[in-house]
Amino acid sequence: MTPQRLAVMAALQNRHDHPTAEHIYQEVRRQLPAISFNTVYKALEVLCQNGMAIKVNPLHEVARYDGTTRRHAHLICRQCRRIIDLDWDPDSLPSVSPEELQGFRLDYPSLTFWGLCPACQSGESHRED
């Protein structure tokens, strides 16, 4: 684990707002001014590949990152794109039979709920991307 990856991991784990790579880059640059955006992006990808972070990519827009790796769901506002963690027990979901999986081997079950956050419902929100 390089100092750059440690800084990226610390920045991600200190946030709970599902930041973009750009947000993490701006934060890490305060600590490591010479770090490049490419280094931050690659560090985030390595963290995701090693199960230390999760990439949340709603509708293939700008990727957002989550430092919470325990099993949880996401609430995503379809208007402002705010992402909120939602605790859930995967055992409470219906089981999926091997036939229904059609040969897929699940690595990480994910659950996402789309809707409107309270701020967007009242017309007070702005887009977070």
Protein backbone atom coordinates (compact mmCIF):
# COMPACT_ATOMS: atom_id res chain seq x y z
CA MET A 1 0.00 0.00 0.00
CA THR A 2 1.62 3.21 -1.18
CA PRO A 3 1.34 6.53 0.69
CA GLN A 4 -0.85 7.82 -2.15
CA ARG A 5 -3.27 4.88 -1.86
CA LEU A 6 -3.37 5.27 1.91
CA ALA A 7 -4.23 8.96 1.52
CA VAL A 8 -6.97 8.15 -1.01
CA MET A 9 -8.38 5.43 1.24
CA ALA A 10 -8.36 7.75 4.27
CA ALA A 11 -10.07 10.52 2.32
CA LEU A 12 -12.75 8.13 1.09
CA GLN A 13 -13.38 6.55 4.48
CA ASN A 14 -13.73 9.96 6.13
CA ARG A 15 -16.63 10.83 3.83
CA HIS A 16 -20.15 9.48 3.70
CA ASP A 17 -21.42 11.39 0.68
CA HIS A 18 -20.27 9.01 -2.08
CA PRO A 19 -17.76 11.40 -3.68
CA THR A 20 -16.52 11.39 -7.26
CA ALA A 21 -12.85 10.77 -8.08
CA GLU A 22 -12.54 14.54 -8.60
CA HIS A 23 -13.81 15.24 -5.08
CA ILE A 24 -11.31 12.77 -3.60
CA TYR A 25 -8.53 14.25 -5.77
CA GLN A 26 -9.24 17.78 -4.48
CA GLU A 27 -9.20 16.53 -0.88
CA VAL A 28 -6.01 14.46 -1.21
CA ARG A 29 -4.20 17.32 -3.00
CA ARG A 30 -4.36 19.35 0.20
CA GLN A 31 -2.22 16.66 1.85
CA LEU A 32 -0.16 15.60 -1.19
CA PRO A 33 0.04 18.60 -3.58
CA ALA A 34 2.05 16.72 -6.22
CA ILE A 35 -0.46 13.88 -6.60
CA SER A 36 -2.09 13.57 -10.03
CA PHE A 37 -5.73 12.92 -10.78
CA ASN A 38 -4.69 9.75 -12.62
CA THR A 39 -2.97 8.44 -9.47
CA VAL A 40 -6.10 9.09 -7.40
CA TYR A 41 -8.32 7.43 -10.00
CA LYS A 42 -6.08 4.36 -10.22
CA ALA A 43 -5.91 4.14 -6.42
CA LEU A 44 -9.72 4.20 -6.23
CA GLU A 45 -9.94 1.44 -8.84
CA VAL A 46 -7.39 -0.70 -6.94
CA LEU A 47 -9.33 -0.17 -3.70
CA CYS A 48 -12.52 -1.30 -5.46
CA GLN A 49 -10.82 -4.35 -6.99
CA ASN A 50 -9.56 -5.37 -3.55
CA GLY A 51 -12.91 -4.94 -1.79
CA MET A 52 -11.84 -1.85 0.18
CA ALA A 53 -14.27 0.48 -1.62
CA ILE A 54 -17.36 0.20 -3.79
CA LYS A 55 -17.98 1.99 -7.07
CA VAL A 56 -21.51 3.30 -7.35
CA ASN A 57 -22.27 4.16 -10.94
CA PRO A 58 -25.89 5.27 -11.30
CA LEU A 59 -26.99 4.95 -14.91
CA HIS A 60 -23.33 4.93 -16.03
CA GLU A 61 -22.92 8.60 -15.22
CA VAL A 62 -19.94 9.88 -13.24
CA ALA A 63 -18.72 7.12 -10.95
CA ARG A 64 -19.09 7.73 -7.24
CA TYR A 65 -17.19 5.87 -4.56
CA ASP A 66 -18.25 4.41 -1.23
CA GLY A 67 -15.81 3.63 1.56
CA THR A 68 -18.44 1.58 3.38
CA THR A 69 -17.86 -2.00 2.29
CA ARG A 70 -20.30 -3.80 4.58
CA ARG A 71 -23.39 -5.02 2.78
CA HIS A 72 -25.83 -2.18 2.39
CA ALA A 73 -28.24 -0.75 -0.13
CA HIS A 74 -28.29 2.68 -1.73
CA LEU A 75 -31.06 5.23 -2.01
CA ILE A 76 -30.45 7.36 -5.12
CA CYS A 77 -32.40 10.50 -5.86
CA ARG A 78 -33.27 10.47 -9.54
CA GLN A 79 -33.27 14.27 -9.65
CA CYS A 80 -30.20 15.50 -7.70
CA ARG A 81 -28.36 12.12 -7.76
CA ARG A 82 -27.73 12.21 -4.01
CA ILE A 83 -26.75 8.75 -2.76
CA ILE A 84 -27.58 7.63 0.77
CA ASP A 85 -26.54 4.38 2.44
CA LEU A 86 -29.36 2.18 3.68
CA ASP A 87 -28.64 -0.69 6.07
CA TRP A 88 -30.24 -3.94 4.98
CA ASP A 89 -30.00 -7.56 5.87
CA PRO A 90 -29.32 -9.60 2.71
CA ASP A 91 -30.90 -12.61 4.41
CA SER A 92 -34.22 -10.76 4.48
CA LEU A 93 -34.38 -10.73 0.67
CA PRO A 94 -35.95 -13.60 -1.20
CA SER A 95 -33.46 -16.24 -2.19
CA VAL A 96 -32.58 -16.59 -5.84
CA SER A 97 -32.48 -20.09 -7.29
CA PRO A 98 -29.59 -21.27 -9.50
CA GLU A 99 -32.00 -21.37 -12.43
CA GLU A 100 -32.97 -17.74 -11.90
CA LEU A 101 -29.28 -16.77 -11.78
CA GLN A 102 -28.85 -18.26 -15.28
CA GLY A 103 -25.29 -19.37 -14.58
CA PHE A 104 -24.16 -16.17 -12.89
CA ARG A 105 -21.98 -16.45 -9.79
CA LEU A 106 -22.76 -13.54 -7.49
CA ASP A 107 -19.72 -11.82 -6.02
CA TYR A 108 -21.48 -8.97 -4.29
CA PRO A 109 -25.25 -8.60 -4.21
CA SER A 110 -26.29 -4.99 -4.54
CA LEU A 111 -29.61 -3.30 -3.96
CA THR A 112 -30.51 0.19 -5.19
CA PHE A 113 -33.69 2.15 -4.66
CA TRP A 114 -34.48 5.11 -6.93
CA GLY A 115 -36.81 7.93 -5.99
CA LEU A 116 -36.90 11.55 -4.88
CA CYS A 117 -35.14 12.75 -1.74
CA PRO A 118 -37.05 15.07 0.62
CA ALA A 119 -35.24 18.18 -0.69
CA CYS A 120 -36.17 17.41 -4.31
CA GLN A 121 -39.74 16.64 -3.32
CA SER A 122 -39.99 20.14 -1.85
CA GLY A 123 -38.09 21.77 -4.75
CA GLU A 124 -35.13 22.83 -2.59
CA SER A 125 -32.36 20.59 -3.92
CA HIS A 126 -29.54 20.91 -6.45
CA ARG A 127 -27.80 18.23 -8.52
CA GLU A 128 -24.75 16.63 -6.81
CA ASP A 129 -22.72 15.39 -9.81
